[in-house]
Amino acid sequence: MSVLTQVNQSTTAQSKKYAVAAAMLLAMSLLGLANRAAAAEYYNCSNPTGCQLIKSIEPEDNLTATQYPVVLAHGLGGFNSLFGIINYFNGIPEALIAGGSEVYVTKTSAIHDAEFRGEQLLQQVQTITAVTGKQKVNLVGHSLGGIDIRYVAAVAPESVASVTAVASPEQGSKMADWLLNLVTNSSAKSGYAPGEYNLRSRALINFHNALGRFLDYGSGINRKQLQQQDGVRAVTGLTTDYMAHYYNRKYPAAMPSEYCGQPPDNFVVNDIPYYSFSGVGTITNGLDPSDYLLSLTALSFGKDDANDGLVSACSSRIGYVIRDDYKMNHLDSVNQMFGLVAWGEVDPISVYRAQINRLKNNGL
């Protein structure tokens, strides 16, 4: 064998080794890209600030890996993350991204009515669909947020894959009835015309408006961009009369025909499935100070009207009712405060994971 032949063979062998190594590096790079593409992410959003990435992880499993992003909407007096310390949906976004979800926690006016907040939420949904390239989102709303999401589903059904209401007063709240009567009746007794308020009522209204601005600021919104707050419209929009005679007539999808009735068997409207779940009870964990406050607000309900301190089981029903009797008060249903929920009962986080898994299994 000539020297030239030996050199050529050696060069060919080395080239093969380099080719194999290059192929392995390319495969590893593609695998890395695939892993990054499969990362599950959690964002906080608002109209003034847009959507900010909070966490990105490689999922532990694909239990909640829905086709469309999951969008969480807070209730009255809500926020996404307060000063970066307290998350409204405590531990829930983290649990969902661990199963493969892409999660967006939204922020609307803390103190306002469902149509106003629903329009704000719609703008955020449009931003999310534009950023993700997905045509639809899965909407999950707690308390008033569960009424806000009905607005979005009604006016933009093409952008909504599903609606899930959590402890939402779909038929109004007796607590809101009591509070509105307190404001209006005391003013009327003082000789004020309808729409005008005495000093005590104005102080109560101004307090709630200021609270809303504080919650906006605490959610990272610049003081020059704070969202509009309206305590009177917020409370009026949650009364049983308003819901029965205005909101539910205008947005009737998947609603029962009467208070404490059952929703229709067909819970899919405009190709959107509607779901709900809620709990009953107030003092579910003696270590949670908020439980005792909810035991007081529960006094506004009748003895036979099972409730979570702010919303009755009867009022919470819409679409497919998963359950309306979990051992959860109103704050337990978002795993608050700080996860101090009922001992030995269903964990709220597991209920969210089961529902998002249901959506995933239905191709949503």
Protein backbone atom coordinates (compact mmCIF):
# COMPACT_ATOMS: atom_id res chain seq x y z
CA MET A 1 0.00 0.00 0.00
CA SER A 2 1.42 3.39 -0.98
CA VAL A 3 1.94 6.26 1.43
CA LEU A 4 -0.60 8.32 -0.52
CA THR A 5 -3.21 5.59 -0.18
CA GLN A 6 -2.61 5.39 3.58
CA VAL A 7 -2.99 9.16 3.91
CA ASN A 8 -6.24 9.10 1.93
CA GLN A 9 -7.68 6.30 4.08
CA SER A 10 -6.68 8.11 7.26
CA THR A 11 -8.27 11.31 5.99
CA THR A 12 -11.47 9.46 5.04
CA ALA A 13 -11.70 7.85 8.50
CA GLN A 14 -11.20 11.18 10.21
CA SER A 15 -13.87 12.78 7.98
CA LYS A 16 -16.32 10.04 8.97
CA LYS A 17 -15.57 10.65 12.64
CA TYR A 18 -16.10 14.41 12.20
CA ALA A 19 -19.35 13.76 10.32
CA VAL A 20 -20.63 11.48 13.07
CA ALA A 21 -19.64 13.99 15.74
CA ALA A 22 -21.31 16.83 13.82
CA ALA A 23 -24.48 14.77 13.43
CA MET A 24 -24.50 14.02 17.16
CA LEU A 25 -24.03 17.70 18.01
CA LEU A 26 -26.83 18.65 15.61
CA ALA A 27 -29.13 16.04 17.14
CA MET A 28 -28.34 17.29 20.64
CA SER A 29 -28.98 20.89 19.54
CA LEU A 30 -32.31 19.94 17.99
CA LEU A 31 -33.22 18.01 21.14
CA GLY A 32 -32.38 21.08 23.22
CA LEU A 33 -34.52 23.26 20.97
CA ALA A 34 -37.35 20.78 21.26
CA ASN A 35 -37.06 20.81 25.04
CA ARG A 36 -37.08 24.61 25.09
CA ALA A 37 -40.07 24.69 22.73
CA ALA A 38 -41.88 22.35 25.09
CA ALA A 39 -41.23 24.59 28.12
CA ALA A 40 -44.36 25.55 30.02
CA GLU A 41 -44.65 29.22 30.88
CA TYR A 42 -46.59 31.42 33.29
CA TYR A 43 -47.22 35.12 32.65
CA ASN A 44 -48.87 38.00 34.52
CA CYS A 45 -50.79 40.38 32.27
CA SER A 46 -52.60 43.73 32.34
CA ASN A 47 -53.59 46.24 29.68
CA PRO A 48 -51.12 48.94 30.86
CA THR A 49 -48.12 46.60 31.25
CA GLY A 50 -48.73 43.82 28.73
CA CYS A 51 -47.69 40.25 29.67
CA GLN A 52 -44.60 39.63 31.78
CA LEU A 53 -42.97 36.19 32.00
CA ILE A 54 -42.99 34.97 35.62
CA LYS A 55 -41.77 31.40 35.27
CA SER A 56 -40.66 28.96 32.59
CA ILE A 57 -40.05 25.28 33.36
CA GLU A 58 -39.80 21.88 31.75
CA PRO A 59 -43.10 20.15 32.67
CA GLU A 60 -43.08 17.16 35.00
CA ASP A 61 -45.84 15.52 32.94
CA ASN A 62 -48.44 16.42 30.30
CA LEU A 63 -51.52 16.18 32.50
CA THR A 64 -52.60 19.77 31.81
CA ALA A 65 -50.98 20.29 28.40
CA THR A 66 -53.98 21.87 26.69
CA GLN A 67 -54.03 22.82 23.02
CA TYR A 68 -54.93 26.42 23.92
CA PRO A 69 -53.47 28.69 26.63
CA VAL A 70 -55.16 28.84 30.04
CA VAL A 71 -56.23 32.37 31.03
CA LEU A 72 -57.07 33.02 34.71
CA ALA A 73 -59.31 35.98 35.62
CA HIS A 74 -59.53 37.32 39.19
CA GLY A 75 -62.62 38.40 41.09
CA LEU A 76 -63.80 41.65 42.68
CA GLY A 77 -61.00 43.30 44.63
CA GLY A 78 -58.53 41.10 42.83
CA PHE A 79 -55.04 41.31 41.40
CA ASN A 80 -52.53 39.06 39.68
CA SER A 81 -49.56 39.32 42.05
CA LEU A 82 -49.62 41.88 44.87
CA PHE A 83 -46.19 43.48 45.24
CA GLY A 84 -44.72 40.19 44.05
CA ILE A 85 -45.58 38.60 47.41
CA ILE A 86 -49.17 37.36 47.26
CA ASN A 87 -50.49 35.65 44.12
CA TYR A 88 -54.26 35.77 43.72
CA PHE A 89 -54.36 32.23 42.30
CA ASN A 90 -52.08 30.87 45.01
CA GLY A 91 -49.91 28.06 43.63
CA ILE A 92 -52.35 27.33 40.82
CA PRO A 93 -50.38 28.63 37.80
CA GLU A 94 -47.29 26.77 39.04
CA ALA A 95 -49.27 23.53 39.36
CA LEU A 96 -50.70 23.93 35.86
CA ILE A 97 -47.39 24.64 34.12
CA ALA A 98 -45.92 21.61 35.90
CA GLY A 99 -48.42 19.62 33.83
CA GLY A 100 -47.59 21.39 30.58
CA SER A 101 -50.05 24.31 30.48
CA GLU A 102 -49.24 27.76 29.17
CA VAL A 103 -50.82 30.07 31.76
CA TYR A 104 -51.70 33.77 31.67
CA VAL A 105 -52.99 35.48 34.84
CA THR A 106 -54.85 38.64 33.86
CA LYS A 107 -55.50 41.93 35.68
CA THR A 108 -58.61 44.06 35.19
CA SER A 109 -60.04 46.90 37.27
CA ALA A 110 -60.27 45.56 40.81
CA ILE A 111 -63.50 47.45 41.54
CA HIS A 112 -65.91 47.64 38.59
CA ASP A 113 -68.71 45.71 36.90
CA ALA A 114 -68.48 42.67 34.64
CA GLU A 115 -69.08 44.38 31.31
CA PHE A 116 -66.39 47.00 31.95
CA ARG A 117 -63.93 44.41 33.24
CA GLY A 118 -64.95 41.98 30.50
CA GLU A 119 -63.93 44.49 27.85
CA GLN A 120 -60.54 44.90 29.54
CA LEU A 121 -60.18 41.12 29.67
CA LEU A 122 -61.09 40.82 25.99
CA GLN A 123 -58.21 43.16 25.09
CA GLN A 124 -55.82 40.94 27.04
CA VAL A 125 -57.19 37.81 25.38
CA GLN A 126 -56.58 39.41 21.99
CA THR A 127 -53.00 40.19 23.04
CA ILE A 128 -52.47 36.61 24.22
CA THR A 129 -53.81 35.06 21.02
CA ALA A 130 -51.63 37.41 18.95
CA VAL A 131 -48.48 36.60 20.94
CA THR A 132 -49.02 32.83 21.09
CA GLY A 133 -50.39 32.39 17.58
CA LYS A 134 -53.24 30.35 19.06
CA GLN A 135 -56.73 31.30 17.87
CA LYS A 136 -58.42 30.63 21.21
CA VAL A 137 -57.90 30.50 24.97
CA ASN A 138 -59.39 28.51 27.84
CA LEU A 139 -60.97 31.03 30.22
CA VAL A 140 -61.09 30.30 33.97
CA GLY A 141 -62.63 32.98 36.19
CA HIS A 142 -63.00 33.15 39.96
CA SER A 143 -65.92 34.99 41.57
CA LEU A 144 -66.71 38.11 39.48
CA GLY A 145 -64.06 36.87 37.05
CA GLY A 146 -66.43 34.00 36.23
CA ILE A 147 -68.96 36.58 35.05
CA ASP A 148 -66.33 38.61 33.17
CA ILE A 149 -65.39 35.56 31.10
CA ARG A 150 -69.02 35.08 30.05
CA TYR A 151 -68.88 38.54 28.51
CA VAL A 152 -65.78 37.64 26.49
CA ALA A 153 -67.34 34.37 25.34
CA ALA A 154 -70.49 36.21 24.25
CA VAL A 155 -68.87 39.04 22.29
CA ALA A 156 -65.86 37.14 20.90
CA PRO A 157 -66.76 33.42 20.74
CA GLU A 158 -64.14 32.87 18.04
CA SER A 159 -61.45 33.60 20.65
CA VAL A 160 -62.74 31.26 23.38
CA ALA A 161 -62.16 27.50 23.59
CA SER A 162 -63.91 26.98 26.95
CA VAL A 163 -65.36 28.80 29.96
CA THR A 164 -64.88 27.62 33.57
CA ALA A 165 -66.48 29.62 36.38
CA VAL A 166 -65.14 29.08 39.91
CA ALA A 167 -67.31 30.14 42.87
CA SER A 168 -68.94 32.78 40.68
CA PRO A 169 -72.20 34.55 41.62
CA GLU A 170 -73.85 33.93 38.25
CA GLN A 171 -77.25 34.76 39.76
CA GLY A 172 -75.88 37.60 41.90
CA SER A 173 -74.86 37.69 45.55
CA LYS A 174 -77.02 38.30 48.61
CA MET A 175 -74.00 40.03 50.12
CA ALA A 176 -74.04 42.56 47.26
CA ASP A 177 -77.78 43.08 47.83
CA TRP A 178 -77.11 43.86 51.49
CA LEU A 179 -74.23 46.21 50.73
CA LEU A 180 -76.12 48.18 48.06
CA ASN A 181 -79.11 48.54 50.38
CA LEU A 182 -76.81 49.80 53.10
CA VAL A 183 -75.46 52.54 50.82
CA THR A 184 -78.73 53.58 49.15
CA ASN A 185 -81.17 53.22 52.06
CA SER A 186 -79.07 55.18 54.52
CA SER A 187 -78.72 57.97 51.96
CA ALA A 188 -82.46 57.96 51.21
CA LYS A 189 -83.27 58.16 54.92
CA SER A 190 -80.99 61.20 55.08
CA GLY A 191 -83.10 62.88 52.40
CA TYR A 192 -80.80 62.30 49.42
CA ALA A 193 -82.23 61.72 45.93
CA PRO A 194 -81.50 58.45 44.06
CA GLY A 195 -77.90 58.47 42.83
CA GLU A 196 -76.81 60.85 45.58
CA TYR A 197 -75.16 59.68 48.78
CA ASN A 198 -74.70 60.85 52.34
CA LEU A 199 -71.31 61.27 53.96
CA ARG A 200 -71.07 57.70 55.26
CA SER A 201 -72.02 56.19 51.91
CA ARG A 202 -69.61 58.44 50.01
CA ALA A 203 -66.84 57.44 52.41
CA LEU A 204 -67.59 53.75 51.77
CA ILE A 205 -67.62 54.28 47.98
CA ASN A 206 -64.40 56.30 48.06
CA PHE A 207 -62.72 53.63 50.19
CA HIS A 208 -63.49 50.93 47.64
CA ASN A 209 -62.33 53.10 44.74
CA ALA A 210 -59.08 53.83 46.59
CA LEU A 211 -58.69 50.11 47.35
CA GLY A 212 -59.01 49.36 43.64
CA ARG A 213 -56.28 51.85 42.77
CA PHE A 214 -54.03 50.40 45.49
CA LEU A 215 -54.51 46.88 44.09
CA ASP A 216 -53.68 48.15 40.60
CA TYR A 217 -50.50 49.78 41.90
CA GLY A 218 -49.62 46.67 43.88
CA SER A 219 -49.98 44.64 40.67
CA GLY A 220 -47.20 46.65 39.05
CA ILE A 221 -49.27 49.23 37.18
CA ASN A 222 -47.74 52.71 37.03
CA ARG A 223 -49.59 55.37 39.02
CA LYS A 224 -50.18 57.33 35.80
CA GLN A 225 -51.84 54.31 34.20
CA LEU A 226 -54.10 53.12 37.03
CA GLN A 227 -57.33 51.62 35.75
CA GLN A 228 -60.78 53.08 36.36
CA GLN A 229 -62.57 52.01 39.55
CA ASP A 230 -66.29 52.36 40.32
CA GLY A 231 -67.55 50.98 43.62
CA VAL A 232 -71.23 51.67 42.93
CA ARG A 233 -71.23 49.93 39.56
CA ALA A 234 -69.21 47.04 41.01
CA VAL A 235 -71.71 46.33 43.78
CA THR A 236 -74.80 47.05 41.64
CA GLY A 237 -73.50 44.65 39.00
CA LEU A 238 -73.37 41.82 41.52
CA THR A 239 -76.89 42.18 42.94
CA THR A 240 -79.44 39.46 42.33
CA ASP A 241 -81.81 41.95 40.67
CA TYR A 242 -79.17 43.18 38.20
CA MET A 243 -78.10 39.67 37.26
CA ALA A 244 -81.67 38.38 36.85
CA HIS A 245 -83.13 41.31 34.93
CA TYR A 246 -80.16 42.56 32.93
CA TYR A 247 -76.97 40.50 32.70
CA ASN A 248 -78.40 36.99 32.43
CA ARG A 249 -80.97 38.13 29.88
CA LYS A 250 -78.26 39.72 27.77
CA TYR A 251 -75.75 36.86 28.20
CA PRO A 252 -77.88 33.74 28.83
CA ALA A 253 -75.51 31.04 27.54
CA ALA A 254 -75.62 27.82 29.62
CA MET A 255 -77.49 29.50 32.49
CA PRO A 256 -80.32 27.98 34.57
CA SER A 257 -83.72 29.50 33.93
CA GLU A 258 -84.23 30.37 37.60
CA TYR A 259 -82.39 30.80 40.88
CA CYS A 260 -81.27 27.46 42.31
CA GLY A 261 -82.24 25.73 39.09
CA GLN A 262 -80.01 23.39 37.14
CA PRO A 263 -78.30 24.52 33.92
CA PRO A 264 -79.52 23.01 30.63
CA ASP A 265 -78.20 19.58 29.67
CA ASN A 266 -76.51 21.03 26.60
CA PHE A 267 -73.64 22.99 28.11
CA VAL A 268 -71.98 23.77 24.75
CA VAL A 269 -73.04 27.13 23.26
CA ASN A 270 -71.48 28.59 20.09
CA ASP A 271 -69.03 25.65 20.18
CA ILE A 272 -67.89 26.75 23.66
CA PRO A 273 -68.33 24.30 26.57
CA TYR A 274 -69.23 25.94 29.90
CA TYR A 275 -68.21 24.47 33.26
CA SER A 276 -68.47 25.50 36.91
CA PHE A 277 -67.44 24.38 40.36
CA SER A 278 -67.76 25.90 43.83
CA GLY A 279 -67.81 25.09 47.53
CA VAL A 280 -69.78 25.61 50.71
CA GLY A 281 -68.76 26.40 54.26
CA THR A 282 -66.95 29.31 55.86
CA ILE A 283 -64.68 28.21 58.71
CA THR A 284 -62.79 25.44 56.96
CA ASN A 285 -59.43 25.95 58.67
CA GLY A 286 -59.30 27.49 62.15
CA LEU A 287 -55.82 28.90 61.47
CA ASP A 288 -57.05 31.08 58.61
CA PRO A 289 -58.23 34.48 59.93
CA SER A 290 -60.19 35.21 56.74
CA ASP A 291 -62.52 32.30 57.54
CA TYR A 292 -64.00 34.22 60.47
CA LEU A 293 -64.71 37.24 58.27
CA LEU A 294 -66.47 35.01 55.75
CA SER A 295 -68.56 33.52 58.56
CA LEU A 296 -69.89 37.05 59.15
CA THR A 297 -70.61 37.83 55.48
CA ALA A 298 -72.43 34.48 55.27
CA LEU A 299 -75.09 35.92 57.59
CA SER A 300 -76.54 37.81 54.60
CA PHE A 301 -77.74 34.45 53.20
CA GLY A 302 -80.77 32.48 54.32
CA LYS A 303 -80.31 29.45 56.56
CA ASP A 304 -81.18 27.06 53.73
CA ASP A 305 -79.04 28.85 51.14
CA ALA A 306 -75.71 26.96 51.34
CA ASN A 307 -72.83 29.29 50.52
CA ASP A 308 -69.08 29.90 50.76
CA GLY A 309 -69.41 33.19 52.65
CA LEU A 310 -69.93 35.34 49.54
CA VAL A 311 -71.53 33.13 46.87
CA SER A 312 -74.28 30.55 47.24
CA ALA A 313 -74.10 27.12 45.66
CA CYS A 314 -77.35 27.90 43.84
CA SER A 315 -75.91 31.06 42.32
CA SER A 316 -72.67 29.43 41.20
CA ARG A 317 -74.18 27.00 38.68
CA ILE A 318 -73.54 27.42 34.98
CA GLY A 319 -72.96 24.86 32.24
CA TYR A 320 -71.65 21.49 33.34
CA VAL A 321 -71.58 21.62 37.14
CA ILE A 322 -68.53 19.65 38.26
CA ARG A 323 -69.50 20.11 41.92
CA ASP A 324 -71.08 22.87 43.97
CA ASP A 325 -70.42 21.41 47.40
CA TYR A 326 -66.65 21.13 47.82
CA LYS A 327 -65.56 21.87 51.38
CA MET A 328 -64.21 25.27 50.36
CA ASN A 329 -65.05 28.82 51.32
CA HIS A 330 -64.74 31.67 48.84
CA LEU A 331 -60.99 32.16 49.33
CA ASP A 332 -60.24 28.44 49.56
CA SER A 333 -61.37 28.15 45.94
CA VAL A 334 -58.22 30.05 44.90
CA ASN A 335 -56.11 28.26 47.55
CA GLN A 336 -56.09 31.26 49.92
CA MET A 337 -55.11 32.40 52.37
CA PHE A 338 -51.63 31.02 51.80
CA GLY A 339 -52.96 27.52 51.26
CA LEU A 340 -54.76 27.32 54.62
CA VAL A 341 -57.68 25.24 53.35
CA ALA A 342 -59.83 22.46 54.82
CA TRP A 343 -57.94 19.55 56.35
CA GLY A 344 -58.64 16.12 54.93
CA GLU A 345 -60.71 17.49 52.04
CA VAL A 346 -60.14 17.85 48.31
CA ASP A 347 -57.17 20.08 47.63
CA PRO A 348 -58.25 23.12 45.53
CA ILE A 349 -55.16 22.84 43.32
CA SER A 350 -56.08 19.25 42.42
CA VAL A 351 -59.53 20.46 41.32
CA TYR A 352 -57.95 22.95 38.91
CA ARG A 353 -55.57 20.32 37.56
CA ALA A 354 -58.43 17.88 37.05
CA GLN A 355 -60.48 20.49 35.19
CA ILE A 356 -57.64 21.53 32.91
CA ASN A 357 -56.93 17.85 32.27
CA ARG A 358 -60.60 17.52 31.28
CA LEU A 359 -60.13 20.33 28.77
CA LYS A 360 -56.96 18.69 27.44
CA ASN A 361 -58.73 15.34 26.97
CA ASN A 362 -61.47 17.15 25.03
CA GLY A 363 -58.91 18.58 22.64
CA LEU A 364 -59.06 22.07 24.08
